[in-house]
Amino acid sequence: MRARYGIPLKITAGLTATAAVGVAYAAGIEARSFRLRRVTVPVLPRGMRDLRVLQVSDIHMVSGQRKKRAWLQSLAGLRPDFVVNTGDNLSDTDAVPEVLDALGPLMEFPGVYVFGSNDYYGPRLRNPALYLLEKVQGRHGLNGNPPVVGAIHNPWEDLRDAFDAAGWVNLTNARGRLKLPQAELAFTGLDDPHIKRDRYDKVAGGPDAGADFTVGVVHAPYLRSLDAFTADGYELILAGHTHGGQLCIPFYGALVTNCDLDTDRVKGLSTHTVDDRTSYLHVSAGCGTNRFTPVRFACPPEATLLTLTARA
């Protein structure tokens, strides 16, 4: 006998079937539906030629992801002026060779990089509802949470050595430069704020006056980092980490950013203002997922081709 106030069996079965279809789509289709976002940003000094920047982020490579590897390799056909890698390349301790294979054609171009927490540490299985709880409580990563115990250490040094050997500039709490045929660019980078490795005091001082243009680069767009870059006068900041919300609600958007950035700026181009200064901020939704939650919904994996143009 059916309980008087219970949910009818047909409705329960229908909801279960709908959920199963949604998970199958999120894992089997959308998580592999790679896209290219194209953005124009008017930030360069007047008279300076356009620059084409390819930003890749949050690859979260797992061994055997052939489609992702092939798609990343194909991005070299865009012929960018330079590449910015905003971190979280790994989601598997054995995936360094596959990351390097995927990025090999892009490493033929000038580039810069920062690392994210998943480059340093292997992912852990956790309840996705914790992201919502942490948002309500204002706790994210190691910012307000207890230290991680028993973390798996990834071979990030191998990744660093390969990037350095290719000529990509390491921006781990550091400044660097790229000399291109049409311009000399400077960069200021931070290590990952999500695990409190950022040290802005080491790179403070604002854009490099001797360069044609300077870009701020960080993995996780925590407000303290964005505030520091903007207050120092950087006109463009590039970040990743958020996965664009990863599991979004159609016609509404993201529920979380996994940091203290608001959901209105979870991906794409926006601005950040501190006092009387404003920077352009581009947050990549990335092209991967944590290996334990290999799903995306209403938030396809992506890379971004940014065209930097002269200010009006």
C-alpha atoms as a PDB file:
ATOM      1  CA  MET A   1       0.000   0.000   0.000  1.00  0.00           C
ATOM      2  CA  ARG A   2       1.315   3.445  -0.915  1.00  0.00           C
ATOM      3  CA  ALA A   3       1.776   5.844   2.006  1.00  0.00           C
ATOM      4  CA  ARG A   4      -0.863   8.544   2.081  1.00  0.00           C
ATOM      5  CA  TYR A   5       1.581  11.418   1.869  1.00  0.00           C
ATOM      6  CA  GLY A   6       4.376   9.633   0.031  1.00  0.00           C
ATOM      7  CA  ILE A   7       5.682  10.558  -3.393  1.00  0.00           C
ATOM      8  CA  PRO A   8       3.969   8.450  -6.071  1.00  0.00           C
ATOM      9  CA  LEU A   9       6.188   5.761  -7.509  1.00  0.00           C
ATOM     10  CA  LYS A  10       5.841   7.088 -11.068  1.00  0.00           C
ATOM     11  CA  ILE A  11       7.045  10.538 -10.016  1.00  0.00           C
ATOM     12  CA  THR A  12       9.969   9.054  -8.094  1.00  0.00           C
ATOM     13  CA  ALA A  13      10.958   6.937 -11.087  1.00  0.00           C
ATOM     14  CA  GLY A  14      10.623   9.924 -13.400  1.00  0.00           C
ATOM     15  CA  LEU A  15      12.843  12.113 -11.225  1.00  0.00           C
ATOM     16  CA  THR A  16      15.432   9.359 -10.946  1.00  0.00           C
ATOM     17  CA  ALA A  17      15.461   8.843 -14.711  1.00  0.00           C
ATOM     18  CA  THR A  18      15.753  12.596 -15.334  1.00  0.00           C
ATOM     19  CA  ALA A  19      18.677  12.846 -12.911  1.00  0.00           C
ATOM     20  CA  ALA A  20      20.393   9.902 -14.581  1.00  0.00           C
ATOM     21  CA  VAL A  21      20.011  11.486 -18.013  1.00  0.00           C
ATOM     22  CA  GLY A  22      21.374  14.775 -16.668  1.00  0.00           C
ATOM     23  CA  VAL A  23      24.437  13.110 -15.172  1.00  0.00           C
ATOM     24  CA  ALA A  24      25.036  11.128 -18.363  1.00  0.00           C
ATOM     25  CA  TYR A  25      24.865  14.326 -20.428  1.00  0.00           C
ATOM     26  CA  ALA A  26      27.070  16.307 -18.021  1.00  0.00           C
ATOM     27  CA  ALA A  27      29.740  13.602 -17.914  1.00  0.00           C
ATOM     28  CA  GLY A  28      29.542  12.048 -21.361  1.00  0.00           C
ATOM     29  CA  ILE A  29      28.731  15.004 -23.597  1.00  0.00           C
ATOM     30  CA  GLU A  30      29.174  18.475 -22.148  1.00  0.00           C
ATOM     31  CA  ALA A  31      32.409  17.713 -20.268  1.00  0.00           C
ATOM     32  CA  ARG A  32      33.906  16.822 -23.682  1.00  0.00           C
ATOM     33  CA  SER A  33      32.288  19.622 -25.718  1.00  0.00           C
ATOM     34  CA  PHE A  34      35.346  21.842 -25.931  1.00  0.00           C
ATOM     35  CA  ARG A  35      34.810  25.456 -26.991  1.00  0.00           C
ATOM     36  CA  LEU A  36      36.890  28.492 -27.838  1.00  0.00           C
ATOM     37  CA  ARG A  37      35.842  31.768 -26.263  1.00  0.00           C
ATOM     38  CA  ARG A  38      36.856  34.880 -28.223  1.00  0.00           C
ATOM     39  CA  VAL A  39      37.225  38.177 -26.382  1.00  0.00           C
ATOM     40  CA  THR A  40      38.430  41.642 -27.395  1.00  0.00           C
ATOM     41  CA  VAL A  41      39.971  43.817 -24.681  1.00  0.00           C
ATOM     42  CA  PRO A  42      40.837  47.506 -25.399  1.00  0.00           C
ATOM     43  CA  VAL A  43      43.795  47.906 -23.032  1.00  0.00           C
ATOM     44  CA  LEU A  44      46.940  48.535 -25.094  1.00  0.00           C
ATOM     45  CA  PRO A  45      48.558  51.960 -25.425  1.00  0.00           C
ATOM     46  CA  ARG A  46      47.404  53.986 -28.410  1.00  0.00           C
ATOM     47  CA  GLY A  47      49.253  53.149 -31.574  1.00  0.00           C
ATOM     48  CA  MET A  48      50.269  49.673 -30.413  1.00  0.00           C
ATOM     49  CA  ARG A  49      49.457  46.743 -32.698  1.00  0.00           C
ATOM     50  CA  ASP A  50      46.901  44.146 -31.639  1.00  0.00           C
ATOM     51  CA  LEU A  51      48.096  41.115 -29.682  1.00  0.00           C
ATOM     52  CA  ARG A  52      46.475  37.685 -29.756  1.00  0.00           C
ATOM     53  CA  VAL A  53      46.689  35.855 -26.425  1.00  0.00           C
ATOM     54  CA  LEU A  54      45.661  32.240 -25.922  1.00  0.00           C
ATOM     55  CA  GLN A  55      44.716  31.473 -22.325  1.00  0.00           C
ATOM     56  CA  VAL A  56      44.509  27.831 -21.246  1.00  0.00           C
ATOM     57  CA  SER A  57      43.511  26.889 -17.729  1.00  0.00           C
ATOM     58  CA  ASP A  58      42.336  24.094 -15.444  1.00  0.00           C
ATOM     59  CA  ILE A  59      43.215  21.262 -17.804  1.00  0.00           C
ATOM     60  CA  HIS A  60      43.057  18.763 -14.908  1.00  0.00           C
ATOM     61  CA  MET A  61      44.555  16.079 -17.133  1.00  0.00           C
ATOM     62  CA  VAL A  62      43.820  12.433 -16.359  1.00  0.00           C
ATOM     63  CA  SER A  63      45.663   9.661 -18.205  1.00  0.00           C
ATOM     64  CA  GLY A  64      43.706   8.472 -21.220  1.00  0.00           C
ATOM     65  CA  GLN A  65      41.891  11.731 -22.061  1.00  0.00           C
ATOM     66  CA  ARG A  66      42.717  11.562 -25.768  1.00  0.00           C
ATOM     67  CA  LYS A  67      40.015  13.948 -26.989  1.00  0.00           C
ATOM     68  CA  LYS A  68      41.142  16.688 -24.619  1.00  0.00           C
ATOM     69  CA  ARG A  69      44.761  16.208 -25.650  1.00  0.00           C
ATOM     70  CA  ALA A  70      43.916  16.426 -29.350  1.00  0.00           C
ATOM     71  CA  TRP A  71      41.797  19.534 -28.835  1.00  0.00           C
ATOM     72  CA  LEU A  72      44.541  21.309 -26.907  1.00  0.00           C
ATOM     73  CA  GLN A  73      47.067  20.398 -29.603  1.00  0.00           C
ATOM     74  CA  SER A  74      44.744  21.840 -32.254  1.00  0.00           C
ATOM     75  CA  LEU A  75      44.767  25.272 -30.570  1.00  0.00           C
ATOM     76  CA  ALA A  76      48.239  25.847 -31.987  1.00  0.00           C
ATOM     77  CA  GLY A  77      46.468  26.445 -35.311  1.00  0.00           C
ATOM     78  CA  LEU A  78      45.254  29.773 -33.892  1.00  0.00           C
ATOM     79  CA  ARG A  79      48.856  31.055 -34.091  1.00  0.00           C
ATOM     80  CA  PRO A  80      48.684  33.229 -30.947  1.00  0.00           C
ATOM     81  CA  ASP A  81      51.337  35.827 -30.244  1.00  0.00           C
ATOM     82  CA  PHE A  82      51.798  34.245 -26.829  1.00  0.00           C
ATOM     83  CA  VAL A  83      50.200  31.748 -24.428  1.00  0.00           C
ATOM     84  CA  VAL A  84      49.155  32.219 -20.802  1.00  0.00           C
ATOM     85  CA  ASN A  85      48.672  29.064 -18.718  1.00  0.00           C
ATOM     86  CA  THR A  86      46.785  29.877 -15.497  1.00  0.00           C
ATOM     87  CA  GLY A  87      47.351  26.548 -13.773  1.00  0.00           C
ATOM     88  CA  ASP A  88      45.727  23.351 -12.494  1.00  0.00           C
ATOM     89  CA  ASN A  89      47.174  21.250 -15.291  1.00  0.00           C
ATOM     90  CA  LEU A  90      46.958  17.965 -13.389  1.00  0.00           C
ATOM     91  CA  SER A  91      44.332  15.676 -11.871  1.00  0.00           C
ATOM     92  CA  ASP A  92      46.472  12.544 -11.979  1.00  0.00           C
ATOM     93  CA  THR A  93      49.964  11.947 -10.595  1.00  0.00           C
ATOM     94  CA  ASP A  94      50.875  10.062 -13.795  1.00  0.00           C
ATOM     95  CA  ALA A  95      49.566  12.658 -16.252  1.00  0.00           C
ATOM     96  CA  VAL A  96      52.589  14.943 -16.637  1.00  0.00           C
ATOM     97  CA  PRO A  97      53.683  13.303 -19.941  1.00  0.00           C
ATOM     98  CA  GLU A  98      50.152  13.679 -21.318  1.00  0.00           C
ATOM     99  CA  VAL A  99      49.963  17.340 -20.301  1.00  0.00           C
ATOM    100  CA  LEU A 100      53.245  17.972 -22.075  1.00  0.00           C
ATOM    101  CA  ASP A 101      52.054  16.059 -25.136  1.00  0.00           C
ATOM    102  CA  ALA A 102      48.832  18.107 -25.203  1.00  0.00           C
ATOM    103  CA  LEU A 103      50.638  21.422 -24.780  1.00  0.00           C
ATOM    104  CA  GLY A 104      53.631  20.510 -26.938  1.00  0.00           C
ATOM    105  CA  PRO A 105      52.515  22.444 -30.047  1.00  0.00           C
ATOM    106  CA  LEU A 106      51.607  25.467 -27.900  1.00  0.00           C
ATOM    107  CA  MET A 107      55.012  25.407 -26.233  1.00  0.00           C
ATOM    108  CA  GLU A 108      56.463  26.387 -29.595  1.00  0.00           C
ATOM    109  CA  PHE A 109      55.013  29.867 -28.913  1.00  0.00           C
ATOM    110  CA  PRO A 110      56.205  32.333 -26.276  1.00  0.00           C
ATOM    111  CA  GLY A 111      54.383  31.772 -22.997  1.00  0.00           C
ATOM    112  CA  VAL A 112      54.051  32.405 -19.290  1.00  0.00           C
ATOM    113  CA  TYR A 113      52.540  30.276 -16.518  1.00  0.00           C
ATOM    114  CA  VAL A 114      51.466  30.056 -12.906  1.00  0.00           C
ATOM    115  CA  PHE A 115      50.481  26.938 -10.995  1.00  0.00           C
ATOM    116  CA  GLY A 116      47.294  26.086  -9.113  1.00  0.00           C
ATOM    117  CA  SER A 117      46.696  23.857  -6.114  1.00  0.00           C
ATOM    118  CA  ASN A 118      46.057  20.792  -8.306  1.00  0.00           C
ATOM    119  CA  ASP A 119      49.482  21.108  -9.867  1.00  0.00           C
ATOM    120  CA  TYR A 120      50.979  20.682  -6.405  1.00  0.00           C
ATOM    121  CA  TYR A 121      48.510  18.247  -4.843  1.00  0.00           C
ATOM    122  CA  GLY A 122      46.334  15.403  -6.074  1.00  0.00           C
ATOM    123  CA  PRO A 123      42.563  15.830  -5.844  1.00  0.00           C
ATOM    124  CA  ARG A 124      40.432  14.265  -3.140  1.00  0.00           C
ATOM    125  CA  LEU A 125      36.905  12.923  -3.243  1.00  0.00           C
ATOM    126  CA  ARG A 126      34.580  15.366  -1.510  1.00  0.00           C
ATOM    127  CA  ASN A 127      30.875  16.093  -1.346  1.00  0.00           C
ATOM    128  CA  PRO A 128      29.995  18.767  -3.965  1.00  0.00           C
ATOM    129  CA  ALA A 129      27.525  20.257  -1.471  1.00  0.00           C
ATOM    130  CA  LEU A 130      30.513  21.418   0.574  1.00  0.00           C
ATOM    131  CA  TYR A 131      31.188  24.106  -2.036  1.00  0.00           C
ATOM    132  CA  LEU A 132      27.790  25.639  -1.289  1.00  0.00           C
ATOM    133  CA  LEU A 133      28.369  25.350   2.459  1.00  0.00           C
ATOM    134  CA  GLU A 134      31.776  26.993   2.184  1.00  0.00           C
ATOM    135  CA  LYS A 135      30.271  29.809   0.137  1.00  0.00           C
ATOM    136  CA  VAL A 136      27.721  30.522   2.873  1.00  0.00           C
ATOM    137  CA  GLN A 137      30.405  30.358   5.573  1.00  0.00           C
ATOM    138  CA  GLY A 138      32.984  32.365   3.602  1.00  0.00           C
ATOM    139  CA  ARG A 139      35.560  29.546   3.677  1.00  0.00           C
ATOM    140  CA  HIS A 140      37.387  28.442   0.531  1.00  0.00           C
ATOM    141  CA  GLY A 141      40.456  26.253   0.021  1.00  0.00           C
ATOM    142  CA  LEU A 142      42.873  26.866   2.886  1.00  0.00           C
ATOM    143  CA  ASN A 143      41.399  30.340   3.398  1.00  0.00           C
ATOM    144  CA  GLY A 144      39.533  29.781   6.657  1.00  0.00           C
ATOM    145  CA  ASN A 145      39.689  25.970   6.499  1.00  0.00           C
ATOM    146  CA  PRO A 146      42.074  23.747   8.492  1.00  0.00           C
ATOM    147  CA  PRO A 147      45.294  22.581   6.781  1.00  0.00           C
ATOM    148  CA  VAL A 148      45.042  19.581   4.488  1.00  0.00           C
ATOM    149  CA  VAL A 149      46.390  16.362   6.008  1.00  0.00           C
ATOM    150  CA  GLY A 150      47.727  13.446   3.982  1.00  0.00           C
ATOM    151  CA  ALA A 151      47.685  15.237   0.634  1.00  0.00           C
ATOM    152  CA  ILE A 152      48.979  13.465  -2.475  1.00  0.00           C
ATOM    153  CA  HIS A 153      51.958  15.350  -3.883  1.00  0.00           C
ATOM    154  CA  ASN A 154      52.034  15.727  -7.659  1.00  0.00           C
ATOM    155  CA  PRO A 155      55.310  15.782  -9.644  1.00  0.00           C
ATOM    156  CA  TRP A 156      54.890  19.481 -10.404  1.00  0.00           C
ATOM    157  CA  GLU A 157      58.653  19.968 -10.643  1.00  0.00           C
ATOM    158  CA  ASP A 158      58.679  17.909 -13.866  1.00  0.00           C
ATOM    159  CA  LEU A 159      56.002  20.180 -15.290  1.00  0.00           C
ATOM    160  CA  ARG A 160      57.935  23.291 -14.255  1.00  0.00           C
ATOM    161  CA  ASP A 161      61.193  22.011 -15.755  1.00  0.00           C
ATOM    162  CA  ALA A 162      59.527  21.234 -19.087  1.00  0.00           C
ATOM    163  CA  PHE A 163      57.794  24.612 -19.281  1.00  0.00           C
ATOM    164  CA  ASP A 164      61.046  26.379 -18.421  1.00  0.00           C
ATOM    165  CA  ALA A 165      62.958  24.361 -21.024  1.00  0.00           C
ATOM    166  CA  ALA A 166      60.432  25.457 -23.647  1.00  0.00           C
ATOM    167  CA  GLY A 167      61.102  29.090 -22.754  1.00  0.00           C
ATOM    168  CA  TRP A 168      57.856  29.737 -20.916  1.00  0.00           C
ATOM    169  CA  VAL A 169      58.305  32.254 -18.104  1.00  0.00           C
ATOM    170  CA  ASN A 170      57.613  31.080 -14.553  1.00  0.00           C
ATOM    171  CA  LEU A 171      55.516  33.707 -12.740  1.00  0.00           C
ATOM    172  CA  THR A 172      55.399  32.015  -9.337  1.00  0.00           C
ATOM    173  CA  ASN A 173      55.357  35.114  -7.106  1.00  0.00           C
ATOM    174  CA  ALA A 174      57.623  36.612  -9.744  1.00  0.00           C
ATOM    175  CA  ARG A 175      57.924  39.109 -12.568  1.00  0.00           C
ATOM    176  CA  GLY A 176      58.975  38.252 -16.094  1.00  0.00           C
ATOM    177  CA  ARG A 177      59.143  39.517 -19.672  1.00  0.00           C
ATOM    178  CA  LEU A 178      58.434  38.335 -23.195  1.00  0.00           C
ATOM    179  CA  LYS A 179      60.063  40.092 -26.121  1.00  0.00           C
ATOM    180  CA  LEU A 180      57.801  39.766 -29.144  1.00  0.00           C
ATOM    181  CA  PRO A 181      58.428  41.128 -32.647  1.00  0.00           C
ATOM    182  CA  GLN A 182      55.843  43.897 -32.156  1.00  0.00           C
ATOM    183  CA  ALA A 183      56.248  44.646 -28.429  1.00  0.00           C
ATOM    184  CA  GLU A 184      58.018  43.894 -25.185  1.00  0.00           C
ATOM    185  CA  LEU A 185      55.567  42.662 -22.572  1.00  0.00           C
ATOM    186  CA  ALA A 186      55.981  42.388 -18.820  1.00  0.00           C
ATOM    187  CA  PHE A 187      54.082  40.082 -16.463  1.00  0.00           C
ATOM    188  CA  THR A 188      53.552  39.947 -12.741  1.00  0.00           C
ATOM    189  CA  GLY A 189      52.373  36.639 -11.333  1.00  0.00           C
ATOM    190  CA  LEU A 190      51.267  35.112  -8.055  1.00  0.00           C
ATOM    191  CA  ASP A 191      51.303  31.595  -6.711  1.00  0.00           C
ATOM    192  CA  ASP A 192      47.884  30.147  -5.878  1.00  0.00           C
ATOM    193  CA  PRO A 193      45.852  32.176  -3.332  1.00  0.00           C
ATOM    194  CA  HIS A 194      43.502  29.201  -2.893  1.00  0.00           C
ATOM    195  CA  ILE A 195      46.181  27.496  -0.787  1.00  0.00           C
ATOM    196  CA  LYS A 196      47.682  30.724   0.572  1.00  0.00           C
ATOM    197  CA  ARG A 197      50.862  30.585  -1.509  1.00  0.00           C
ATOM    198  CA  ASP A 198      50.436  34.104  -2.924  1.00  0.00           C
ATOM    199  CA  ARG A 199      53.061  36.647  -1.823  1.00  0.00           C
ATOM    200  CA  TYR A 200      52.138  39.963  -3.380  1.00  0.00           C
ATOM    201  CA  ASP A 201      54.736  41.803  -1.300  1.00  0.00           C
ATOM    202  CA  LYS A 202      57.421  40.095  -3.393  1.00  0.00           C
ATOM    203  CA  VAL A 203      56.121  41.574  -6.659  1.00  0.00           C
ATOM    204  CA  ALA A 204      54.459  44.819  -5.542  1.00  0.00           C
ATOM    205  CA  GLY A 205      55.232  48.093  -7.280  1.00  0.00           C
ATOM    206  CA  GLY A 206      52.930  48.202 -10.263  1.00  0.00           C
ATOM    207  CA  PRO A 207      53.452  47.682 -13.993  1.00  0.00           C
ATOM    208  CA  ASP A 208      56.947  47.609 -15.440  1.00  0.00           C
ATOM    209  CA  ALA A 209      57.629  51.107 -16.734  1.00  0.00           C
ATOM    210  CA  GLY A 210      60.184  49.807 -19.220  1.00  0.00           C
ATOM    211  CA  ALA A 211      57.743  47.487 -21.004  1.00  0.00           C
ATOM    212  CA  ASP A 212      55.107  48.312 -23.587  1.00  0.00           C
ATOM    213  CA  PHE A 213      52.374  46.660 -21.492  1.00  0.00           C
ATOM    214  CA  THR A 214      52.127  44.624 -18.275  1.00  0.00           C
ATOM    215  CA  VAL A 215      49.667  41.845 -17.397  1.00  0.00           C
ATOM    216  CA  GLY A 216      48.784  40.447 -13.968  1.00  0.00           C
ATOM    217  CA  VAL A 217      48.449  36.642 -13.795  1.00  0.00           C
ATOM    218  CA  VAL A 218      47.060  34.454 -10.990  1.00  0.00           C
ATOM    219  CA  HIS A 219      45.352  31.067 -10.780  1.00  0.00           C
ATOM    220  CA  ALA A 220      42.520  31.724  -8.322  1.00  0.00           C
ATOM    221  CA  PRO A 221      40.848  35.168  -8.549  1.00  0.00           C
ATOM    222  CA  TYR A 222      40.605  35.896  -4.837  1.00  0.00           C
ATOM    223  CA  LEU A 223      39.632  39.474  -4.106  1.00  0.00           C
ATOM    224  CA  ARG A 224      42.835  40.235  -2.196  1.00  0.00           C
ATOM    225  CA  SER A 225      44.862  39.483  -5.342  1.00  0.00           C
ATOM    226  CA  LEU A 226      42.546  41.388  -7.652  1.00  0.00           C
ATOM    227  CA  ASP A 227      42.535  44.339  -5.254  1.00  0.00           C
ATOM    228  CA  ALA A 228      46.335  44.402  -5.137  1.00  0.00           C
ATOM    229  CA  PHE A 229      46.778  44.209  -8.906  1.00  0.00           C
ATOM    230  CA  THR A 230      44.134  46.872  -9.530  1.00  0.00           C
ATOM    231  CA  ALA A 231      45.377  49.240  -6.834  1.00  0.00           C
ATOM    232  CA  ASP A 232      48.870  48.975  -8.343  1.00  0.00           C
ATOM    233  CA  GLY A 233      47.580  50.024 -11.754  1.00  0.00           C
ATOM    234  CA  TYR A 234      47.394  46.809 -13.795  1.00  0.00           C
ATOM    235  CA  GLU A 235      44.913  47.213 -16.630  1.00  0.00           C
ATOM    236  CA  LEU A 236      44.490  43.475 -17.341  1.00  0.00           C
ATOM    237  CA  ILE A 237      44.361  40.483 -14.977  1.00  0.00           C
ATOM    238  CA  LEU A 238      44.077  36.869 -16.157  1.00  0.00           C
ATOM    239  CA  ALA A 239      42.870  34.059 -13.887  1.00  0.00           C
ATOM    240  CA  GLY A 240      41.215  30.634 -13.889  1.00  0.00           C
ATOM    241  CA  HIS A 241      40.242  28.233 -11.075  1.00  0.00           C
ATOM    242  CA  THR A 242      36.453  28.714 -11.009  1.00  0.00           C
ATOM    243  CA  HIS A 243      35.555  26.212 -13.769  1.00  0.00           C
ATOM    244  CA  GLY A 244      32.888  28.777 -14.624  1.00  0.00           C
ATOM    245  CA  GLY A 245      30.827  27.326 -11.784  1.00  0.00           C
ATOM    246  CA  GLN A 246      31.051  23.865 -13.436  1.00  0.00           C
ATOM    247  CA  LEU A 247      27.478  22.853 -12.545  1.00  0.00           C
ATOM    248  CA  CYS A 248      25.316  25.794 -13.543  1.00  0.00           C
ATOM    249  CA  ILE A 249      21.590  26.409 -13.786  1.00  0.00           C
ATOM    250  CA  PRO A 250      20.381  27.251 -17.311  1.00  0.00           C
ATOM    251  CA  PHE A 251      19.222  30.878 -17.668  1.00  0.00           C
ATOM    252  CA  TYR A 252      20.532  31.594 -14.138  1.00  0.00           C
ATOM    253  CA  GLY A 253      24.222  30.789 -14.063  1.00  0.00           C
ATOM    254  CA  ALA A 254      26.750  29.642 -11.509  1.00  0.00           C
ATOM    255  CA  LEU A 255      26.015  28.864  -7.877  1.00  0.00           C
ATOM    256  CA  VAL A 256      29.618  28.959  -6.658  1.00  0.00           C
ATOM    257  CA  THR A 257      33.056  30.224  -7.697  1.00  0.00           C
ATOM    258  CA  ASN A 258      35.167  28.213  -5.185  1.00  0.00           C
ATOM    259  CA  CYS A 259      36.687  31.486  -3.996  1.00  0.00           C
ATOM    260  CA  ASP A 260      35.409  34.844  -2.733  1.00  0.00           C
ATOM    261  CA  LEU A 261      34.741  36.226  -6.225  1.00  0.00           C
ATOM    262  CA  ASP A 262      31.046  36.867  -6.926  1.00  0.00           C
ATOM    263  CA  THR A 263      29.215  34.556  -9.312  1.00  0.00           C
ATOM    264  CA  ASP A 264      28.479  37.397 -11.768  1.00  0.00           C
ATOM    265  CA  ARG A 265      32.158  37.300 -12.717  1.00  0.00           C
ATOM    266  CA  VAL A 266      32.675  33.539 -12.562  1.00  0.00           C
ATOM    267  CA  LYS A 267      33.882  33.385 -16.189  1.00  0.00           C
ATOM    268  CA  GLY A 268      34.619  35.625 -19.142  1.00  0.00           C
ATOM    269  CA  LEU A 269      35.511  39.296 -19.275  1.00  0.00           C
ATOM    270  CA  SER A 270      34.483  41.745 -16.561  1.00  0.00           C
ATOM    271  CA  THR A 271      36.043  44.593 -14.598  1.00  0.00           C
ATOM    272  CA  HIS A 272      37.399  45.046 -11.091  1.00  0.00           C
ATOM    273  CA  THR A 273      37.463  48.436  -9.367  1.00  0.00           C
ATOM    274  CA  VAL A 274      39.410  49.614  -6.323  1.00  0.00           C
ATOM    275  CA  ASP A 275      38.928  53.252  -5.330  1.00  0.00           C
ATOM    276  CA  ASP A 276      39.364  55.189  -8.586  1.00  0.00           C
ATOM    277  CA  ARG A 277      41.178  52.464 -10.525  1.00  0.00           C
ATOM    278  CA  THR A 278      39.608  49.812 -12.734  1.00  0.00           C
ATOM    279  CA  SER A 279      41.154  46.725 -14.332  1.00  0.00           C
ATOM    280  CA  TYR A 280      39.819  44.329 -16.920  1.00  0.00           C
ATOM    281  CA  LEU A 281      39.530  40.822 -15.477  1.00  0.00           C
ATOM    282  CA  HIS A 282      39.281  37.683 -17.566  1.00  0.00           C
ATOM    283  CA  VAL A 283      38.457  34.444 -15.764  1.00  0.00           C
ATOM    284  CA  SER A 284      38.754  31.271 -17.824  1.00  0.00           C
ATOM    285  CA  ALA A 285      36.165  28.556 -17.192  1.00  0.00           C
ATOM    286  CA  GLY A 286      38.922  26.067 -18.003  1.00  0.00           C
ATOM    287  CA  CYS A 287      38.750  22.857 -19.984  1.00  0.00           C
ATOM    288  CA  GLY A 288      38.795  20.137 -17.329  1.00  0.00           C
ATOM    289  CA  THR A 289      37.350  18.901 -14.058  1.00  0.00           C
ATOM    290  CA  ASN A 290      38.502  17.241 -10.876  1.00  0.00           C
ATOM    291  CA  ARG A 291      38.867  13.526 -11.709  1.00  0.00           C
ATOM    292  CA  PHE A 292      36.319  12.642  -9.014  1.00  0.00           C
ATOM    293  CA  THR A 293      33.639  14.999 -10.408  1.00  0.00           C
ATOM    294  CA  PRO A 294      34.054  14.657 -14.206  1.00  0.00           C
ATOM    295  CA  VAL A 295      30.871  16.551 -15.039  1.00  0.00           C
ATOM    296  CA  ARG A 296      29.879  19.950 -16.412  1.00  0.00           C
ATOM    297  CA  PHE A 297      26.405  21.321 -16.904  1.00  0.00           C
ATOM    298  CA  ALA A 298      25.471  24.569 -18.704  1.00  0.00           C
ATOM    299  CA  CYS A 299      29.185  25.388 -18.591  1.00  0.00           C
ATOM    300  CA  PRO A 300      31.193  23.825 -21.470  1.00  0.00           C
ATOM    301  CA  PRO A 301      34.970  23.404 -21.165  1.00  0.00           C
ATOM    302  CA  GLU A 302      36.886  26.158 -22.902  1.00  0.00           C
ATOM    303  CA  ALA A 303      40.038  28.038 -23.748  1.00  0.00           C
ATOM    304  CA  THR A 304      40.071  31.729 -24.653  1.00  0.00           C
ATOM    305  CA  LEU A 305      41.614  33.696 -27.471  1.00  0.00           C
ATOM    306  CA  LEU A 306      41.903  37.278 -26.259  1.00  0.00           C
ATOM    307  CA  THR A 307      42.620  39.995 -28.788  1.00  0.00           C
ATOM    308  CA  LEU A 308      44.223  42.927 -27.021  1.00  0.00           C
ATOM    309  CA  THR A 309      43.604  46.183 -28.888  1.00  0.00           C
ATOM    310  CA  ALA A 310      44.576  49.815 -28.357  1.00  0.00           C
ATOM    311  CA  ARG A 311      42.497  51.988 -26.083  1.00  0.00           C
ATOM    312  CA  ALA A 312      40.155  54.408 -27.844  1.00  0.00           C
END
